[in-house]
Structure formats: C-alpha cells, structure tokens
Amino acid sequence: MRVLFILIFFIFSNNSNAYSEGMVTWGTTGSNCKSFNSNLVKYNGSDDFEEIVQAEIRAFLTGYNMYIGIRDGTADNMKIINQDSSEFIFSYIKNYCKKKKDSAVFMGLVEYFNELK
C-alpha cells in the first residue's frame, strides 16, 4: 500500500519536470539531478522511494536497450543490462547526480549504459 501511495504521489506531485511540455522521459529518470537530490533528502531512508526509482531505472535501461536493437535492426549492439544490481545502479545515479547537479538523471543512465560491456 505504501508503494502505491508513493507512486501516486510521484505522479501527482507538484514537480515542474513531471508536467513540463516536451519531456524526453517521464518520472524520476526524466527529472534533473537537483530534483533527484532533493527527493533523496526528502525521502531519506525510504525503501519505497528507492524501489520505485529502481523500477524506473530498469524500465529506462530496458527501453534504451530496445531502442538500440530497433535502430540497428539487430541485437548485436544491445547490452546485458542486468550485469549489476538495481541497488548498484541506484548508487551510481546518486553519485552521478551528486557530482553533476546541473545534469539530468537520464544522462547519468545513458553514461552508465555506455560503460556496460
């Protein structure tokens, strides 16, 4: 029930990134690092928050990987995206956004994706 509440909260939150026109991706992965860092503080220690963000990260990486396959017409350049745990990737993004506060979360995910073998 808490997960559902937090998910509904994120959907209807008053985050300008969540409702801005011309977004390149939705949800936490579509926000900027400043918003992400702010939510880390706001939901400090919340397992539900981390689970939701990890689910968004898995969805983004899956979609991005599928895009590569569709674009190329082959799976040759697709990557194994579950090499690391969701917790590891979440930590990667936390570190990325700590260092690059003016960047976007999805840019950190693209950087992570490009580092995969």
C-alpha atoms as a PDB file:
ATOM      1  CA  MET A   1       0.000   0.000   0.000  1.00  0.00           C
ATOM      2  CA  ARG A   2       2.874   2.381   0.794  1.00  0.00           C
ATOM      3  CA  VAL A   3       4.407   1.710  -2.632  1.00  0.00           C
ATOM      4  CA  LEU A   4       1.104   2.566  -4.287  1.00  0.00           C
ATOM      5  CA  PHE A   5       0.840   5.764  -2.235  1.00  0.00           C
ATOM      6  CA  ILE A   6       4.357   6.880  -3.141  1.00  0.00           C
ATOM      7  CA  LEU A   7       3.804   6.031  -6.804  1.00  0.00           C
ATOM      8  CA  ILE A   8       0.608   8.077  -6.853  1.00  0.00           C
ATOM      9  CA  PHE A   9       2.420  10.880  -5.026  1.00  0.00           C
ATOM     10  CA  PHE A  10       5.159  10.991  -7.680  1.00  0.00           C
ATOM     11  CA  ILE A  11       2.615  11.011 -10.467  1.00  0.00           C
ATOM     12  CA  PHE A  12       0.645  13.894  -8.984  1.00  0.00           C
ATOM     13  CA  SER A  13       3.469  15.734  -7.247  1.00  0.00           C
ATOM     14  CA  ASN A  14       3.942  19.393  -7.982  1.00  0.00           C
ATOM     15  CA  ASN A  15       7.236  18.763  -9.760  1.00  0.00           C
ATOM     16  CA  SER A  16       7.512  21.076 -12.754  1.00  0.00           C
ATOM     17  CA  ASN A  17       9.625  18.459 -14.530  1.00  0.00           C
ATOM     18  CA  ALA A  18       6.855  15.915 -14.220  1.00  0.00           C
ATOM     19  CA  TYR A  19       4.414  18.102 -16.122  1.00  0.00           C
ATOM     20  CA  SER A  20       6.568  20.202 -18.380  1.00  0.00           C
ATOM     21  CA  GLU A  21       5.908  20.030 -22.084  1.00  0.00           C
ATOM     22  CA  GLY A  22       8.378  18.438 -24.431  1.00  0.00           C
ATOM     23  CA  MET A  23       9.835  15.985 -21.916  1.00  0.00           C
ATOM     24  CA  VAL A  24      12.262  13.372 -23.182  1.00  0.00           C
ATOM     25  CA  THR A  25      11.308  10.865 -20.474  1.00  0.00           C
ATOM     26  CA  TRP A  26       8.802  10.703 -17.586  1.00  0.00           C
ATOM     27  CA  GLY A  27       9.222  10.098 -13.896  1.00  0.00           C
ATOM     28  CA  THR A  28      12.297  10.395 -11.741  1.00  0.00           C
ATOM     29  CA  THR A  29      14.517   9.348 -14.632  1.00  0.00           C
ATOM     30  CA  GLY A  30      13.197  12.354 -16.538  1.00  0.00           C
ATOM     31  CA  SER A  31      13.961  14.844 -13.813  1.00  0.00           C
ATOM     32  CA  ASN A  32      17.083  16.862 -13.327  1.00  0.00           C
ATOM     33  CA  CYS A  33      19.694  15.972 -10.735  1.00  0.00           C
ATOM     34  CA  LYS A  34      18.670  18.861  -8.485  1.00  0.00           C
ATOM     35  CA  SER A  35      15.162  17.396  -8.153  1.00  0.00           C
ATOM     36  CA  PHE A  36      16.567  13.912  -7.707  1.00  0.00           C
ATOM     37  CA  ASN A  37      18.926  15.080  -4.949  1.00  0.00           C
ATOM     38  CA  SER A  38      16.094  16.965  -3.272  1.00  0.00           C
ATOM     39  CA  ASN A  39      13.914  13.843  -3.291  1.00  0.00           C
ATOM     40  CA  LEU A  40      16.777  11.809  -1.818  1.00  0.00           C
ATOM     41  CA  VAL A  41      16.794  14.165   1.154  1.00  0.00           C
ATOM     42  CA  LYS A  42      13.014  14.343   1.351  1.00  0.00           C
ATOM     43  CA  TYR A  43      12.573  10.552   1.318  1.00  0.00           C
ATOM     44  CA  ASN A  44      15.801   9.719   3.142  1.00  0.00           C
ATOM     45  CA  GLY A  45      15.885   6.032   4.037  1.00  0.00           C
ATOM     46  CA  SER A  46      12.558   5.241   2.366  1.00  0.00           C
ATOM     47  CA  ASP A  47      12.707   1.760   0.886  1.00  0.00           C
ATOM     48  CA  ASP A  48       9.603   2.556  -1.132  1.00  0.00           C
ATOM     49  CA  PHE A  49      11.268   5.556  -2.779  1.00  0.00           C
ATOM     50  CA  GLU A  50      14.321   3.514  -3.696  1.00  0.00           C
ATOM     51  CA  GLU A  51      12.200   0.644  -5.048  1.00  0.00           C
ATOM     52  CA  ILE A  52      10.195   2.990  -7.256  1.00  0.00           C
ATOM     53  CA  VAL A  53      13.311   4.729  -8.585  1.00  0.00           C
ATOM     54  CA  GLN A  54      14.995   1.370  -9.195  1.00  0.00           C
ATOM     55  CA  ALA A  55      11.938   0.209 -11.153  1.00  0.00           C
ATOM     56  CA  GLU A  56      12.092   3.391 -13.251  1.00  0.00           C
ATOM     57  CA  ILE A  57      15.807   2.837 -13.835  1.00  0.00           C
ATOM     58  CA  ARG A  58      15.196  -0.751 -15.010  1.00  0.00           C
ATOM     59  CA  ALA A  59      12.418   0.455 -17.298  1.00  0.00           C
ATOM     60  CA  PHE A  60      14.581   3.237 -18.758  1.00  0.00           C
ATOM     61  CA  LEU A  61      17.534   0.919 -19.391  1.00  0.00           C
ATOM     62  CA  THR A  62      15.256  -1.688 -20.963  1.00  0.00           C
ATOM     63  CA  GLY A  63      13.685   0.886 -23.269  1.00  0.00           C
ATOM     64  CA  TYR A  64      17.036   2.387 -24.190  1.00  0.00           C
ATOM     65  CA  ASN A  65      18.454  -1.056 -24.928  1.00  0.00           C
ATOM     66  CA  MET A  66      15.431  -1.899 -27.092  1.00  0.00           C
ATOM     67  CA  TYR A  67      15.907   1.359 -28.969  1.00  0.00           C
ATOM     68  CA  ILE A  68      19.476   0.320 -29.836  1.00  0.00           C
ATOM     69  CA  GLY A  69      18.245  -3.024 -31.188  1.00  0.00           C
ATOM     70  CA  ILE A  70      15.417  -1.484 -33.189  1.00  0.00           C
ATOM     71  CA  ARG A  71      17.625   1.311 -34.536  1.00  0.00           C
ATOM     72  CA  ASP A  72      20.316  -1.127 -35.649  1.00  0.00           C
ATOM     73  CA  GLY A  73      17.917  -3.862 -36.751  1.00  0.00           C
ATOM     74  CA  THR A  74      19.976  -6.375 -34.777  1.00  0.00           C
ATOM     75  CA  ALA A  75      20.749  -7.336 -31.194  1.00  0.00           C
ATOM     76  CA  ASP A  76      24.498  -7.146 -31.834  1.00  0.00           C
ATOM     77  CA  ASN A  77      24.935  -3.774 -30.096  1.00  0.00           C
ATOM     78  CA  MET A  78      22.426  -4.378 -27.311  1.00  0.00           C
ATOM     79  CA  LYS A  79      23.906  -4.771 -23.841  1.00  0.00           C
ATOM     80  CA  ILE A  80      23.311  -7.084 -20.920  1.00  0.00           C
ATOM     81  CA  ILE A  81      21.663  -4.589 -18.609  1.00  0.00           C
ATOM     82  CA  ASN A  82      21.395  -6.771 -15.501  1.00  0.00           C
ATOM     83  CA  GLN A  83      25.162  -7.079 -15.028  1.00  0.00           C
ATOM     84  CA  ASP A  84      24.815  -5.004 -11.876  1.00  0.00           C
ATOM     85  CA  SER A  85      22.076  -4.981  -9.271  1.00  0.00           C
ATOM     86  CA  SER A  86      19.379  -2.323  -9.209  1.00  0.00           C
ATOM     87  CA  GLU A  87      20.859  -1.143  -5.915  1.00  0.00           C
ATOM     88  CA  PHE A  88      24.263  -0.647  -7.571  1.00  0.00           C
ATOM     89  CA  ILE A  89      22.776   1.367 -10.438  1.00  0.00           C
ATOM     90  CA  PHE A  90      20.755   3.465  -7.971  1.00  0.00           C
ATOM     91  CA  SER A  91      24.014   4.234  -6.128  1.00  0.00           C
ATOM     92  CA  TYR A  92      25.676   5.033  -9.449  1.00  0.00           C
ATOM     93  CA  ILE A  93      22.964   7.606 -10.195  1.00  0.00           C
ATOM     94  CA  LYS A  94      23.182   9.041  -6.676  1.00  0.00           C
ATOM     95  CA  ASN A  95      26.913   9.580  -7.184  1.00  0.00           C
ATOM     96  CA  TYR A  96      26.393  10.920 -10.706  1.00  0.00           C
ATOM     97  CA  CYS A  97      23.850  13.488  -9.524  1.00  0.00           C
ATOM     98  CA  LYS A  98      26.000  14.449  -6.539  1.00  0.00           C
ATOM     99  CA  LYS A  99      28.843  15.318  -8.929  1.00  0.00           C
ATOM    100  CA  LYS A 100      26.763  16.765 -11.777  1.00  0.00           C
ATOM    101  CA  LYS A 101      23.975  18.717 -10.094  1.00  0.00           C
ATOM    102  CA  ASP A 102      23.077  20.582 -13.288  1.00  0.00           C
ATOM    103  CA  SER A 103      22.672  17.420 -15.350  1.00  0.00           C
ATOM    104  CA  ALA A 104      19.671  15.149 -15.864  1.00  0.00           C
ATOM    105  CA  VAL A 105      19.135  11.725 -14.328  1.00  0.00           C
ATOM    106  CA  PHE A 106      18.677  10.102 -17.734  1.00  0.00           C
ATOM    107  CA  MET A 107      22.067  11.424 -18.842  1.00  0.00           C
ATOM    108  CA  GLY A 108      23.612   9.522 -15.940  1.00  0.00           C
ATOM    109  CA  LEU A 109      21.743   6.410 -17.042  1.00  0.00           C
ATOM    110  CA  VAL A 110      22.994   6.817 -20.612  1.00  0.00           C
ATOM    111  CA  GLU A 111      26.522   7.221 -19.245  1.00  0.00           C
ATOM    112  CA  TYR A 112      26.070   4.048 -17.174  1.00  0.00           C
ATOM    113  CA  PHE A 113      24.647   2.208 -20.194  1.00  0.00           C
ATOM    114  CA  ASN A 114      27.610   3.222 -22.352  1.00  0.00           C
ATOM    115  CA  GLU A 115      30.021   1.831 -19.761  1.00  0.00           C
ATOM    116  CA  LEU A 116      28.440  -1.634 -19.962  1.00  0.00           C
ATOM    117  CA  LYS A 117      30.334  -4.229 -21.991  1.00  0.00           C
END
